[in-house]
Every structure is written in C-alpha cells, then in structure tokens.
C-alpha cells in the first residue's frame, strides 16, 4: 500500500494577468496567444500580427474589462481557483488522514506551472496527479497543459509518476453538481423562460482537424438538460468569446440572445458549464456585456447562474475524480 504523503495534486487553470493594466494584460496575452496550440497559424504569419497589431490594441480593452470585475485578491479566476485549491486539499487530507498537498498552477501567467511543480518537488513527492479544471477536452487547453508539464519535468532527476486527467465532461457527479446549481438558482431567483448553456468557443477548423471539444460540450449540455427535465424548446447551447474574423463554433452566444429577445423571450438564465470557476468570461462577458446585448435587442432580464466555484458538491466531485483516477494512491495505511 502506498504512502499518500508522497502524493501531490497539481490543480491547473488557464491563467490570468497579475493586474488589470495594459502592460500586465499584454504580457499575459503574449504568452497565451503565442502558444501554437492556441493559435495554430504559421508563426511567420501570426507573430508579426500578434506583436505588431494585437498586443498594441487589445490589452487596452481587455484591461478595462478586467477592472470591472477585479477583486481585492486579484482576478476572480485567481481568487476562485485558490479557494478551490484550499478546499480540495482540506477534503483530501481529511479523508486520507495525511496532508495531501494540492498546488495551483496556471498554464499562462502566475502562479506558473513551473513554480507549482517546483513547490511540489520540494515536498519530495513521488506521484503527481494533474487535474486541469477544464471539464471538456481541447488541445488548446488540456494538451498544451500536459505538454508544458512534460517540458518542465524533462531531464529532472527522478521525475514523479504522473497521472493526467484529460476531461470530465460527462462524469455523473459533475453533471449532478451542475444540476443542483441550476435548481438552487431557480429556487432562490426564480426560473426564466429559457436556459442558455454557453461554452467558450473555438475556431471551427480546430474541430474539423479532430479536436473533440464541440462533441463534449454537446454531451455535457444534453446530460444537464436531461437531469433538469427540460424539453428541447426550453434550452439552447451556444458558444462565446469569439475573436477575429474566421468562423468559430456556432451558434454564437450574443446572436442567440438577440434571437431570443426578438422572439419575445423576455427572460433568460445563462449557465456556463465549461467554466469551473467564475472569471472574466462569465462575470464580465456574460453578466455585463451580453446582458446589455440582450436588453438592447428587446430582452428584459438575464440572470447568470454562477460557476461551480467552491460549492461543496463541486469539491466533493473533484476529490472523487482524484480517487477514481489514482485509487491506490489514497488508501489509508
């Protein structure tokens, strides 16, 4: 039986700038948009566009949006991810009777994956479970995370045994937590005429090239609708955060909201099942910007259903996911 004290958990999310300022956002976007798995345009074409145009213009607007939702603890994504890390560590340690280190790393920005792995290695861990908080798999999120971890560990003495959790888009406990969150929202805030399930978008050609992300989003949405007992006309799936001119996954969230408003749907609830923690894309893009778009088109009320964040059922699910993927690592001695 293995010693759980030699086991570490690397909890990963996408990333965030350190401050809602032009230069901080610029550094973050340079790292994020410079990743070939995020933007697969040939480097000779893309890098001059990125550094010559995008990084001189987009940080101003993005920083302004961050300022609308920034907290005393930093960005919402950082604060919520830190809370998730602390809650998961407490639960796993309590269950095992030993302190199970859970360390947070961001694929881009701080705390970096390098810093997180360095912290775990100082604890002399022998086994490392990597849990990216991306419910649906995409090469633009999970694959780039795993590749970066491999780069960091390459050549190190006695690298830890690795287990990677690629996705959990259809896990029953994940769907159950989502279902409970929507039902609780309806009990406290009332139920709107329509439920919109908004996922982060991707360029359509990524799916054509084999990325399973769209299919997994559709599976998550269908399972959630089924658990909620919704009819086909009660809900819609859509994709947000489109950037640039090429076609992304459709239907687009903003266009769906405009259509619903023009069809005299006066109230909408929006849930974002692809985001494990509230962040710029949920708190600003959905709850602020898309609310304005919906109302301008004739809608009356848009209610955002918060991400799972540190809901107890969410943290219990994450702990269950860890145990299921590494059952021998967490047995009591």
C-alpha atoms as a PDB file:
ATOM      1  CA  UNK A   1       0.000   0.000   0.000  1.00  0.00           C
ATOM      2  CA  UNK A   2       1.441   3.394  -0.975  1.00  0.00           C
ATOM      3  CA  UNK A   3       2.145   6.306   1.328  1.00  0.00           C
ATOM      4  CA  UNK A   4      -0.313   9.111   0.497  1.00  0.00           C
ATOM      5  CA  UNK A   5       2.128  11.661   1.919  1.00  0.00           C
ATOM      6  CA  UNK A   6       4.329  11.157  -1.173  1.00  0.00           C
ATOM      7  CA  UNK A   7       1.448  12.110  -3.457  1.00  0.00           C
ATOM      8  CA  UNK A   8       0.759  15.593  -4.804  1.00  0.00           C
ATOM      9  CA  UNK A   9      -2.065  17.150  -6.805  1.00  0.00           C
ATOM     10  CA  UNK A  10      -1.427  19.814  -9.422  1.00  0.00           C
ATOM     11  CA  UNK A  11      -4.629  21.775  -9.937  1.00  0.00           C
ATOM     12  CA  UNK A  12      -4.486  23.730 -13.203  1.00  0.00           C
ATOM     13  CA  UNK A  13      -6.482  26.522 -14.741  1.00  0.00           C
ATOM     14  CA  UNK A  14      -5.880  28.588 -17.839  1.00  0.00           C
ATOM     15  CA  UNK A  15      -4.431  31.773 -16.367  1.00  0.00           C
ATOM     16  CA  UNK A  16      -4.835  35.440 -15.655  1.00  0.00           C
ATOM     17  CA  UNK A  17      -2.872  38.684 -15.726  1.00  0.00           C
ATOM     18  CA  UNK A  18      -1.383  39.940 -12.468  1.00  0.00           C
ATOM     19  CA  UNK A  19      -3.145  43.301 -12.659  1.00  0.00           C
ATOM     20  CA  UNK A  20      -5.879  44.979 -14.736  1.00  0.00           C
ATOM     21  CA  UNK A  21      -3.331  47.158 -16.548  1.00  0.00           C
ATOM     22  CA  UNK A  22      -2.181  47.442 -20.139  1.00  0.00           C
ATOM     23  CA  UNK A  23       1.296  46.006 -19.557  1.00  0.00           C
ATOM     24  CA  UNK A  24       0.204  43.162 -17.312  1.00  0.00           C
ATOM     25  CA  UNK A  25      -2.533  42.114 -19.717  1.00  0.00           C
ATOM     26  CA  UNK A  26      -0.109  42.489 -22.627  1.00  0.00           C
ATOM     27  CA  UNK A  27       2.379  40.077 -21.025  1.00  0.00           C
ATOM     28  CA  UNK A  28      -0.381  37.586 -20.336  1.00  0.00           C
ATOM     29  CA  UNK A  29      -1.823  37.773 -23.856  1.00  0.00           C
ATOM     30  CA  UNK A  30       1.638  37.467 -25.408  1.00  0.00           C
ATOM     31  CA  UNK A  31       2.155  34.161 -23.599  1.00  0.00           C
ATOM     32  CA  UNK A  32      -1.376  32.908 -24.214  1.00  0.00           C
ATOM     33  CA  UNK A  33      -1.780  33.916 -27.858  1.00  0.00           C
ATOM     34  CA  UNK A  34       1.817  32.983 -28.625  1.00  0.00           C
ATOM     35  CA  UNK A  35       1.118  29.308 -27.877  1.00  0.00           C
ATOM     36  CA  UNK A  36       0.982  27.366 -31.184  1.00  0.00           C
ATOM     37  CA  UNK A  37      -1.690  25.071 -29.745  1.00  0.00           C
ATOM     38  CA  UNK A  38      -3.945  28.063 -29.055  1.00  0.00           C
ATOM     39  CA  UNK A  39      -3.320  29.849 -32.351  1.00  0.00           C
ATOM     40  CA  UNK A  40      -2.066  27.384 -34.954  1.00  0.00           C
ATOM     41  CA  UNK A  41      -1.460  29.902 -37.722  1.00  0.00           C
ATOM     42  CA  UNK A  42       2.102  29.553 -39.100  1.00  0.00           C
ATOM     43  CA  UNK A  43       4.486  31.511 -36.874  1.00  0.00           C
ATOM     44  CA  UNK A  44       5.890  33.573 -39.748  1.00  0.00           C
ATOM     45  CA  UNK A  45       2.395  34.916 -40.384  1.00  0.00           C
ATOM     46  CA  UNK A  46       0.982  35.032 -36.868  1.00  0.00           C
ATOM     47  CA  UNK A  47       3.793  36.517 -34.781  1.00  0.00           C
ATOM     48  CA  UNK A  48       4.077  39.795 -36.745  1.00  0.00           C
ATOM     49  CA  UNK A  49       0.289  40.200 -36.456  1.00  0.00           C
ATOM     50  CA  UNK A  50       0.361  39.374 -32.738  1.00  0.00           C
ATOM     51  CA  UNK A  51       3.246  41.660 -31.799  1.00  0.00           C
ATOM     52  CA  UNK A  52       2.650  44.343 -34.387  1.00  0.00           C
ATOM     53  CA  UNK A  53      -1.104  44.825 -34.039  1.00  0.00           C
ATOM     54  CA  UNK A  54      -2.950  42.748 -31.448  1.00  0.00           C
ATOM     55  CA  UNK A  55      -0.653  43.326 -28.471  1.00  0.00           C
ATOM     56  CA  UNK A  56      -0.713  47.059 -29.098  1.00  0.00           C
ATOM     57  CA  UNK A  57      -4.507  47.304 -29.239  1.00  0.00           C
ATOM     58  CA  UNK A  58      -6.311  44.502 -27.434  1.00  0.00           C
ATOM     59  CA  UNK A  59      -4.724  44.925 -23.947  1.00  0.00           C
ATOM     60  CA  UNK A  60      -6.408  48.309 -23.516  1.00  0.00           C
ATOM     61  CA  UNK A  61      -9.893  46.856 -23.948  1.00  0.00           C
ATOM     62  CA  UNK A  62      -9.173  43.664 -22.033  1.00  0.00           C
ATOM     63  CA  UNK A  63      -7.659  45.555 -19.097  1.00  0.00           C
ATOM     64  CA  UNK A  64     -10.729  47.801 -18.951  1.00  0.00           C
ATOM     65  CA  UNK A  65     -12.962  44.730 -18.800  1.00  0.00           C
ATOM     66  CA  UNK A  66     -10.841  43.183 -16.049  1.00  0.00           C
ATOM     67  CA  UNK A  67     -11.200  46.346 -13.985  1.00  0.00           C
ATOM     68  CA  UNK A  68     -14.978  45.853 -13.947  1.00  0.00           C
ATOM     69  CA  UNK A  69     -14.639  42.538 -12.084  1.00  0.00           C
ATOM     70  CA  UNK A  70     -11.255  42.804 -10.300  1.00  0.00           C
ATOM     71  CA  UNK A  71     -11.225  41.929  -6.599  1.00  0.00           C
ATOM     72  CA  UNK A  72      -9.069  42.730  -3.576  1.00  0.00           C
ATOM     73  CA  UNK A  73      -7.465  39.303  -4.071  1.00  0.00           C
ATOM     74  CA  UNK A  74      -6.753  39.819  -7.744  1.00  0.00           C
ATOM     75  CA  UNK A  75      -8.655  38.462 -10.698  1.00  0.00           C
ATOM     76  CA  UNK A  76     -11.802  36.414  -9.984  1.00  0.00           C
ATOM     77  CA  UNK A  77     -10.246  33.373 -11.648  1.00  0.00           C
ATOM     78  CA  UNK A  78      -7.213  33.504  -9.360  1.00  0.00           C
ATOM     79  CA  UNK A  79      -9.248  34.035  -6.188  1.00  0.00           C
ATOM     80  CA  UNK A  80     -11.751  31.290  -7.028  1.00  0.00           C
ATOM     81  CA  UNK A  81      -9.007  28.852  -8.068  1.00  0.00           C
ATOM     82  CA  UNK A  82      -7.117  29.485  -4.825  1.00  0.00           C
ATOM     83  CA  UNK A  83     -10.288  28.764  -2.863  1.00  0.00           C
ATOM     84  CA  UNK A  84     -10.771  25.533  -4.825  1.00  0.00           C
ATOM     85  CA  UNK A  85      -7.178  24.501  -4.127  1.00  0.00           C
ATOM     86  CA  UNK A  86      -7.549  25.074  -0.388  1.00  0.00           C
ATOM     87  CA  UNK A  87     -10.901  23.292  -0.207  1.00  0.00           C
ATOM     88  CA  UNK A  88      -9.725  20.270  -2.193  1.00  0.00           C
ATOM     89  CA  UNK A  89      -6.577  19.928  -0.106  1.00  0.00           C
ATOM     90  CA  UNK A  90      -8.579  20.064   3.121  1.00  0.00           C
ATOM     91  CA  UNK A  91     -11.038  17.430   1.910  1.00  0.00           C
ATOM     92  CA  UNK A  92      -8.420  15.016   0.538  1.00  0.00           C
ATOM     93  CA  UNK A  93      -6.226  15.358   3.622  1.00  0.00           C
ATOM     94  CA  UNK A  94      -9.182  14.779   5.914  1.00  0.00           C
ATOM     95  CA  UNK A  95     -10.211  11.656   4.022  1.00  0.00           C
ATOM     96  CA  UNK A  96      -6.715  10.151   3.897  1.00  0.00           C
ATOM     97  CA  UNK A  97      -5.596  11.076   7.397  1.00  0.00           C
ATOM     98  CA  UNK A  98      -2.465  12.653   5.879  1.00  0.00           C
ATOM     99  CA  UNK A  99      -1.725  16.050   4.420  1.00  0.00           C
ATOM    100  CA  UNK A 100      -2.211  15.746   0.664  1.00  0.00           C
ATOM    101  CA  UNK A 101      -0.554  18.766  -0.983  1.00  0.00           C
ATOM    102  CA  UNK A 102      -2.689  20.417  -3.642  1.00  0.00           C
ATOM    103  CA  UNK A 103      -0.834  23.145  -5.505  1.00  0.00           C
ATOM    104  CA  UNK A 104      -2.335  25.569  -8.010  1.00  0.00           C
ATOM    105  CA  UNK A 105      -0.633  26.314 -11.318  1.00  0.00           C
ATOM    106  CA  UNK A 106      -1.765  28.418 -14.277  1.00  0.00           C
ATOM    107  CA  UNK A 107      -0.900  27.473 -17.837  1.00  0.00           C
ATOM    108  CA  UNK A 108      -0.270  31.147 -18.543  1.00  0.00           C
ATOM    109  CA  UNK A 109       0.657  33.844 -16.047  1.00  0.00           C
ATOM    110  CA  UNK A 110       1.157  33.368 -12.329  1.00  0.00           C
ATOM    111  CA  UNK A 111       1.359  31.128 -10.375  1.00  0.00           C
ATOM    112  CA  UNK A 112       3.104  29.358 -13.238  1.00  0.00           C
ATOM    113  CA  UNK A 113       3.201  25.636 -13.825  1.00  0.00           C
ATOM    114  CA  UNK A 114       6.974  25.771 -13.342  1.00  0.00           C
ATOM    115  CA  UNK A 115       6.620  27.382  -9.919  1.00  0.00           C
ATOM    116  CA  UNK A 116       3.866  24.953  -8.907  1.00  0.00           C
ATOM    117  CA  UNK A 117       5.877  21.883  -9.908  1.00  0.00           C
ATOM    118  CA  UNK A 118       8.975  23.271  -8.188  1.00  0.00           C
ATOM    119  CA  UNK A 119       6.954  23.679  -4.987  1.00  0.00           C
ATOM    120  CA  UNK A 120       5.655  20.113  -5.218  1.00  0.00           C
ATOM    121  CA  UNK A 121       9.103  18.667  -5.921  1.00  0.00           C
ATOM    122  CA  UNK A 122      10.495  20.382  -2.820  1.00  0.00           C
ATOM    123  CA  UNK A 123       7.989  18.263  -0.895  1.00  0.00           C
ATOM    124  CA  UNK A 124       9.718  15.168  -2.355  1.00  0.00           C
ATOM    125  CA  UNK A 125       6.564  13.826  -3.926  1.00  0.00           C
ATOM    126  CA  UNK A 126       6.887  10.573  -5.859  1.00  0.00           C
ATOM    127  CA  UNK A 127       3.487  10.662  -7.553  1.00  0.00           C
ATOM    128  CA  UNK A 128       1.817  13.616  -9.236  1.00  0.00           C
ATOM    129  CA  UNK A 129      -1.790  13.749 -10.373  1.00  0.00           C
ATOM    130  CA  UNK A 130      -2.547  16.571 -12.810  1.00  0.00           C
ATOM    131  CA  UNK A 131      -6.109  17.874 -12.684  1.00  0.00           C
ATOM    132  CA  UNK A 132      -6.837  20.619 -15.226  1.00  0.00           C
ATOM    133  CA  UNK A 133     -10.102  22.335 -14.395  1.00  0.00           C
ATOM    134  CA  UNK A 134     -11.298  22.075 -17.994  1.00  0.00           C
ATOM    135  CA  UNK A 135     -14.420  19.864 -17.992  1.00  0.00           C
ATOM    136  CA  UNK A 136     -14.350  19.438 -21.781  1.00  0.00           C
ATOM    137  CA  UNK A 137     -11.129  18.366 -23.508  1.00  0.00           C
ATOM    138  CA  UNK A 138      -9.465  20.536 -26.114  1.00  0.00           C
ATOM    139  CA  UNK A 139      -5.932  20.563 -27.467  1.00  0.00           C
ATOM    140  CA  UNK A 140      -5.969  24.314 -26.794  1.00  0.00           C
ATOM    141  CA  UNK A 141      -6.340  23.710 -23.057  1.00  0.00           C
ATOM    142  CA  UNK A 142      -5.521  20.184 -21.859  1.00  0.00           C
ATOM    143  CA  UNK A 143      -2.889  19.212 -24.437  1.00  0.00           C
ATOM    144  CA  UNK A 144      -0.910  22.420 -24.066  1.00  0.00           C
ATOM    145  CA  UNK A 145      -1.033  21.987 -20.278  1.00  0.00           C
ATOM    146  CA  UNK A 146       0.281  18.421 -20.427  1.00  0.00           C
ATOM    147  CA  UNK A 147       2.995  19.363 -22.932  1.00  0.00           C
ATOM    148  CA  UNK A 148       4.210  22.198 -20.732  1.00  0.00           C
ATOM    149  CA  UNK A 149       4.375  19.885 -17.706  1.00  0.00           C
ATOM    150  CA  UNK A 150       6.383  17.354 -19.717  1.00  0.00           C
ATOM    151  CA  UNK A 151       8.784  20.124 -20.761  1.00  0.00           C
ATOM    152  CA  UNK A 152       9.306  21.161 -17.148  1.00  0.00           C
ATOM    153  CA  UNK A 153       9.918  17.608 -15.912  1.00  0.00           C
ATOM    154  CA  UNK A 154      12.103  16.571 -18.840  1.00  0.00           C
ATOM    155  CA  UNK A 155      15.652  15.905 -17.673  1.00  0.00           C
ATOM    156  CA  UNK A 156      14.883  16.287 -13.984  1.00  0.00           C
ATOM    157  CA  UNK A 157      16.254  13.667 -11.617  1.00  0.00           C
ATOM    158  CA  UNK A 158      13.736  11.027 -10.541  1.00  0.00           C
ATOM    159  CA  UNK A 159      10.641  12.665 -12.035  1.00  0.00           C
ATOM    160  CA  UNK A 160       7.400  11.710 -10.301  1.00  0.00           C
ATOM    161  CA  UNK A 161       4.987   9.135 -11.602  1.00  0.00           C
ATOM    162  CA  UNK A 162       2.290  11.036 -13.493  1.00  0.00           C
ATOM    163  CA  UNK A 163      -1.444  10.605 -13.887  1.00  0.00           C
ATOM    164  CA  UNK A 164      -3.250  13.070 -16.127  1.00  0.00           C
ATOM    165  CA  UNK A 165      -7.000  13.689 -16.017  1.00  0.00           C
ATOM    166  CA  UNK A 166      -7.912  14.772 -19.529  1.00  0.00           C
ATOM    167  CA  UNK A 167     -11.577  15.728 -19.043  1.00  0.00           C
ATOM    168  CA  UNK A 168     -14.718  15.037 -17.046  1.00  0.00           C
ATOM    169  CA  UNK A 169     -17.408  16.377 -19.343  1.00  0.00           C
ATOM    170  CA  UNK A 170     -19.889  13.530 -18.743  1.00  0.00           C
ATOM    171  CA  UNK A 171     -18.998  12.427 -15.231  1.00  0.00           C
ATOM    172  CA  UNK A 172     -22.268  11.808 -13.328  1.00  0.00           C
ATOM    173  CA  UNK A 173     -21.086  13.722 -10.239  1.00  0.00           C
ATOM    174  CA  UNK A 174     -20.098  16.721 -12.357  1.00  0.00           C
ATOM    175  CA  UNK A 175     -23.486  16.734 -14.083  1.00  0.00           C
ATOM    176  CA  UNK A 176     -25.152  16.330 -10.687  1.00  0.00           C
ATOM    177  CA  UNK A 177     -23.329  19.376  -9.286  1.00  0.00           C
ATOM    178  CA  UNK A 178     -24.309  21.442 -12.332  1.00  0.00           C
ATOM    179  CA  UNK A 179     -27.920  20.312 -11.998  1.00  0.00           C
ATOM    180  CA  UNK A 180     -28.007  21.220  -8.315  1.00  0.00           C
ATOM    181  CA  UNK A 181     -26.547  24.654  -9.014  1.00  0.00           C
ATOM    182  CA  UNK A 182     -29.210  25.469 -11.617  1.00  0.00           C
ATOM    183  CA  UNK A 183     -32.036  24.130  -9.437  1.00  0.00           C
ATOM    184  CA  UNK A 184     -30.820  26.168  -6.461  1.00  0.00           C
ATOM    185  CA  UNK A 185     -30.656  29.263  -8.635  1.00  0.00           C
ATOM    186  CA  UNK A 186     -34.218  28.696  -9.763  1.00  0.00           C
ATOM    187  CA  UNK A 187     -35.408  28.224  -6.180  1.00  0.00           C
ATOM    188  CA  UNK A 188     -33.813  31.463  -4.998  1.00  0.00           C
ATOM    189  CA  UNK A 189     -34.069  33.743  -8.047  1.00  0.00           C
ATOM    190  CA  UNK A 190     -36.978  32.220  -9.931  1.00  0.00           C
ATOM    191  CA  UNK A 191     -36.922  30.461 -13.279  1.00  0.00           C
ATOM    192  CA  UNK A 192     -36.654  32.392 -16.533  1.00  0.00           C
ATOM    193  CA  UNK A 193     -38.343  31.494 -19.801  1.00  0.00           C
ATOM    194  CA  UNK A 194     -35.238  29.932 -21.339  1.00  0.00           C
ATOM    195  CA  UNK A 195     -31.951  28.370 -20.178  1.00  0.00           C
ATOM    196  CA  UNK A 196     -28.882  29.168 -22.249  1.00  0.00           C
ATOM    197  CA  UNK A 197     -25.806  26.944 -21.870  1.00  0.00           C
ATOM    198  CA  UNK A 198     -22.836  28.983 -23.036  1.00  0.00           C
ATOM    199  CA  UNK A 199     -19.418  27.383 -23.627  1.00  0.00           C
ATOM    200  CA  UNK A 200     -16.155  29.011 -24.634  1.00  0.00           C
ATOM    201  CA  UNK A 201     -15.776  28.929 -28.394  1.00  0.00           C
ATOM    202  CA  UNK A 202     -13.064  27.602 -30.700  1.00  0.00           C
ATOM    203  CA  UNK A 203     -12.303  28.223 -34.368  1.00  0.00           C
ATOM    204  CA  UNK A 204     -14.447  25.811 -36.374  1.00  0.00           C
ATOM    205  CA  UNK A 205     -11.433  24.425 -38.243  1.00  0.00           C
ATOM    206  CA  UNK A 206      -9.987  23.076 -34.983  1.00  0.00           C
ATOM    207  CA  UNK A 207     -12.974  20.746 -34.777  1.00  0.00           C
ATOM    208  CA  UNK A 208     -12.584  19.838 -38.435  1.00  0.00           C
ATOM    209  CA  UNK A 209      -8.985  18.912 -37.640  1.00  0.00           C
ATOM    210  CA  UNK A 210     -10.083  16.478 -34.934  1.00  0.00           C
ATOM    211  CA  UNK A 211     -10.490  18.372 -31.669  1.00  0.00           C
ATOM    212  CA  UNK A 212     -13.312  16.637 -29.696  1.00  0.00           C
ATOM    213  CA  UNK A 213     -14.307  19.776 -27.810  1.00  0.00           C
ATOM    214  CA  UNK A 214     -17.603  20.536 -29.580  1.00  0.00           C
ATOM    215  CA  UNK A 215     -18.866  16.975 -29.188  1.00  0.00           C
ATOM    216  CA  UNK A 216     -18.057  17.006 -25.478  1.00  0.00           C
ATOM    217  CA  UNK A 217     -19.820  20.337 -24.973  1.00  0.00           C
ATOM    218  CA  UNK A 218     -22.896  18.927 -26.673  1.00  0.00           C
ATOM    219  CA  UNK A 219     -22.760  15.853 -24.422  1.00  0.00           C
ATOM    220  CA  UNK A 220     -22.488  17.957 -21.271  1.00  0.00           C
ATOM    221  CA  UNK A 221     -25.389  20.164 -22.358  1.00  0.00           C
ATOM    222  CA  UNK A 222     -27.632  17.227 -23.258  1.00  0.00           C
ATOM    223  CA  UNK A 223     -26.938  15.475 -19.958  1.00  0.00           C
ATOM    224  CA  UNK A 224     -27.622  18.630 -17.967  1.00  0.00           C
ATOM    225  CA  UNK A 225     -30.850  19.314 -19.863  1.00  0.00           C
ATOM    226  CA  UNK A 226     -31.930  15.743 -19.236  1.00  0.00           C
ATOM    227  CA  UNK A 227     -31.271  15.935 -15.498  1.00  0.00           C
ATOM    228  CA  UNK A 228     -33.176  19.220 -15.330  1.00  0.00           C
ATOM    229  CA  UNK A 229     -36.109  17.658 -17.186  1.00  0.00           C
ATOM    230  CA  UNK A 230     -36.038  20.252 -19.956  1.00  0.00           C
ATOM    231  CA  UNK A 231     -37.825  19.994 -23.265  1.00  0.00           C
ATOM    232  CA  UNK A 232     -35.902  20.817 -26.451  1.00  0.00           C
ATOM    233  CA  UNK A 233     -37.534  24.247 -26.650  1.00  0.00           C
ATOM    234  CA  UNK A 234     -36.595  25.125 -23.063  1.00  0.00           C
ATOM    235  CA  UNK A 235     -32.866  25.458 -23.607  1.00  0.00           C
ATOM    236  CA  UNK A 236     -30.127  26.251 -26.117  1.00  0.00           C
ATOM    237  CA  UNK A 237     -26.423  25.575 -26.478  1.00  0.00           C
ATOM    238  CA  UNK A 238     -24.153  28.332 -27.715  1.00  0.00           C
ATOM    239  CA  UNK A 239     -20.523  29.462 -27.814  1.00  0.00           C
ATOM    240  CA  UNK A 240     -18.979  32.701 -26.575  1.00  0.00           C
ATOM    241  CA  UNK A 241     -15.685  34.624 -26.678  1.00  0.00           C
ATOM    242  CA  UNK A 242     -15.186  34.664 -30.430  1.00  0.00           C
ATOM    243  CA  UNK A 243     -12.059  36.553 -31.563  1.00  0.00           C
ATOM    244  CA  UNK A 244     -11.128  37.587 -35.102  1.00  0.00           C
ATOM    245  CA  UNK A 245     -12.935  37.152 -38.372  1.00  0.00           C
ATOM    246  CA  UNK A 246     -12.782  33.425 -39.047  1.00  0.00           C
ATOM    247  CA  UNK A 247     -15.753  31.198 -38.264  1.00  0.00           C
ATOM    248  CA  UNK A 248     -15.905  29.870 -34.728  1.00  0.00           C
ATOM    249  CA  UNK A 249     -18.244  27.299 -33.249  1.00  0.00           C
ATOM    250  CA  UNK A 250     -21.843  28.366 -33.651  1.00  0.00           C
ATOM    251  CA  UNK A 251     -24.382  29.431 -32.635  1.00  0.00           C
ATOM    252  CA  UNK A 252     -22.719  32.437 -31.030  1.00  0.00           C
ATOM    253  CA  UNK A 253     -23.946  33.431 -27.578  1.00  0.00           C
ATOM    254  CA  UNK A 254     -24.566  37.082 -28.433  1.00  0.00           C
ATOM    255  CA  UNK A 255     -26.502  36.166 -31.586  1.00  0.00           C
ATOM    256  CA  UNK A 256     -28.581  33.597 -29.709  1.00  0.00           C
ATOM    257  CA  UNK A 257     -29.524  36.179 -27.093  1.00  0.00           C
ATOM    258  CA  UNK A 258     -30.515  38.644 -29.816  1.00  0.00           C
ATOM    259  CA  UNK A 259     -32.651  35.998 -31.494  1.00  0.00           C
ATOM    260  CA  UNK A 260     -34.387  35.043 -28.262  1.00  0.00           C
ATOM    261  CA  UNK A 261     -35.139  38.684 -27.470  1.00  0.00           C
ATOM    262  CA  UNK A 262     -36.592  39.267 -30.931  1.00  0.00           C
ATOM    263  CA  UNK A 263     -38.778  36.183 -30.466  1.00  0.00           C
ATOM    264  CA  UNK A 264     -40.284  37.853 -27.381  1.00  0.00           C
ATOM    265  CA  UNK A 265     -38.384  35.731 -24.875  1.00  0.00           C
ATOM    266  CA  UNK A 266     -38.161  38.332 -22.125  1.00  0.00           C
ATOM    267  CA  UNK A 267     -36.127  36.451 -19.521  1.00  0.00           C
ATOM    268  CA  UNK A 268     -33.123  34.165 -19.863  1.00  0.00           C
ATOM    269  CA  UNK A 269     -30.937  32.226 -17.445  1.00  0.00           C
ATOM    270  CA  UNK A 270     -27.366  31.627 -18.591  1.00  0.00           C
ATOM    271  CA  UNK A 271     -25.130  28.873 -17.206  1.00  0.00           C
ATOM    272  CA  UNK A 272     -21.548  28.266 -18.381  1.00  0.00           C
ATOM    273  CA  UNK A 273     -20.777  24.544 -17.880  1.00  0.00           C
ATOM    274  CA  UNK A 274     -17.300  24.823 -19.396  1.00  0.00           C
ATOM    275  CA  UNK A 275     -16.012  27.158 -16.695  1.00  0.00           C
ATOM    276  CA  UNK A 276     -15.156  25.568 -13.352  1.00  0.00           C
ATOM    277  CA  UNK A 277     -14.570  28.970 -11.738  1.00  0.00           C
ATOM    278  CA  UNK A 278     -16.044  32.382 -12.367  1.00  0.00           C
ATOM    279  CA  UNK A 279     -13.736  34.598 -14.386  1.00  0.00           C
ATOM    280  CA  UNK A 280     -13.661  37.444 -16.896  1.00  0.00           C
ATOM    281  CA  UNK A 281     -15.619  35.411 -19.450  1.00  0.00           C
ATOM    282  CA  UNK A 282     -18.505  34.757 -17.087  1.00  0.00           C
ATOM    283  CA  UNK A 283     -18.632  37.820 -14.837  1.00  0.00           C
ATOM    284  CA  UNK A 284     -17.915  40.441 -17.489  1.00  0.00           C
ATOM    285  CA  UNK A 285     -18.649  38.897 -20.874  1.00  0.00           C
ATOM    286  CA  UNK A 286     -21.883  37.146 -19.867  1.00  0.00           C
ATOM    287  CA  UNK A 287     -23.207  39.015 -16.839  1.00  0.00           C
ATOM    288  CA  UNK A 288     -22.348  42.517 -18.103  1.00  0.00           C
ATOM    289  CA  UNK A 289     -21.679  42.727 -21.851  1.00  0.00           C
ATOM    290  CA  UNK A 290     -24.133  40.066 -23.046  1.00  0.00           C
ATOM    291  CA  UNK A 291     -26.788  41.341 -20.671  1.00  0.00           C
ATOM    292  CA  UNK A 292     -26.547  44.696 -22.457  1.00  0.00           C
ATOM    293  CA  UNK A 293     -26.739  42.985 -25.852  1.00  0.00           C
ATOM    294  CA  UNK A 294     -29.830  41.036 -24.799  1.00  0.00           C
ATOM    295  CA  UNK A 295     -31.631  44.061 -23.396  1.00  0.00           C
ATOM    296  CA  UNK A 296     -30.759  46.201 -26.415  1.00  0.00           C
ATOM    297  CA  UNK A 297     -32.412  43.578 -28.616  1.00  0.00           C
ATOM    298  CA  UNK A 298     -35.590  43.715 -26.549  1.00  0.00           C
ATOM    299  CA  UNK A 299     -34.961  41.259 -23.742  1.00  0.00           C
ATOM    300  CA  UNK A 300     -35.836  42.220 -20.192  1.00  0.00           C
ATOM    301  CA  UNK A 301     -33.901  40.078 -17.681  1.00  0.00           C
ATOM    302  CA  UNK A 302     -30.723  37.998 -17.981  1.00  0.00           C
ATOM    303  CA  UNK A 303     -29.745  36.035 -14.881  1.00  0.00           C
ATOM    304  CA  UNK A 304     -26.308  34.460 -14.744  1.00  0.00           C
ATOM    305  CA  UNK A 305     -26.054  31.149 -12.858  1.00  0.00           C
ATOM    306  CA  UNK A 306     -22.668  31.197 -11.064  1.00  0.00           C
ATOM    307  CA  UNK A 307     -19.954  28.676 -11.865  1.00  0.00           C
ATOM    308  CA  UNK A 308     -19.473  25.758  -9.502  1.00  0.00           C
ATOM    309  CA  UNK A 309     -16.529  27.504  -7.804  1.00  0.00           C
ATOM    310  CA  UNK A 310     -16.234  26.124  -4.242  1.00  0.00           C
ATOM    311  CA  UNK A 311     -19.679  24.612  -3.932  1.00  0.00           C
ATOM    312  CA  UNK A 312     -19.317  21.631  -1.573  1.00  0.00           C
ATOM    313  CA  UNK A 313     -20.705  19.237  -4.189  1.00  0.00           C
ATOM    314  CA  UNK A 314     -18.124  20.504  -6.688  1.00  0.00           C
ATOM    315  CA  UNK A 315     -15.214  19.989  -4.297  1.00  0.00           C
ATOM    316  CA  UNK A 316     -16.524  16.546  -3.340  1.00  0.00           C
ATOM    317  CA  UNK A 317     -16.700  15.688  -7.030  1.00  0.00           C
ATOM    318  CA  UNK A 318     -13.100  16.819  -7.624  1.00  0.00           C
ATOM    319  CA  UNK A 319     -11.967  14.672  -4.695  1.00  0.00           C
ATOM    320  CA  UNK A 320     -13.927  11.733  -6.112  1.00  0.00           C
ATOM    321  CA  UNK A 321     -12.312  12.305  -9.511  1.00  0.00           C
ATOM    322  CA  UNK A 322      -8.866  12.201  -7.926  1.00  0.00           C
ATOM    323  CA  UNK A 323      -9.619   8.976  -6.045  1.00  0.00           C
ATOM    324  CA  UNK A 324     -11.115   7.295  -9.114  1.00  0.00           C
ATOM    325  CA  UNK A 325      -8.058   8.061 -11.235  1.00  0.00           C
ATOM    326  CA  UNK A 326      -5.489   7.058  -8.610  1.00  0.00           C
ATOM    327  CA  UNK A 327      -7.249   4.672  -6.211  1.00  0.00           C
ATOM    328  CA  UNK A 328      -4.055   3.081  -4.866  1.00  0.00           C
ATOM    329  CA  UNK A 329      -2.516   6.448  -4.007  1.00  0.00           C
ATOM    330  CA  UNK A 330      -5.047   7.474  -1.398  1.00  0.00           C
ATOM    331  CA  UNK A 331      -5.672   4.410   0.693  1.00  0.00           C
ATOM    332  CA  UNK A 332      -5.180   4.611   4.441  1.00  0.00           C
ATOM    333  CA  UNK A 333      -2.062   2.938   5.763  1.00  0.00           C
END
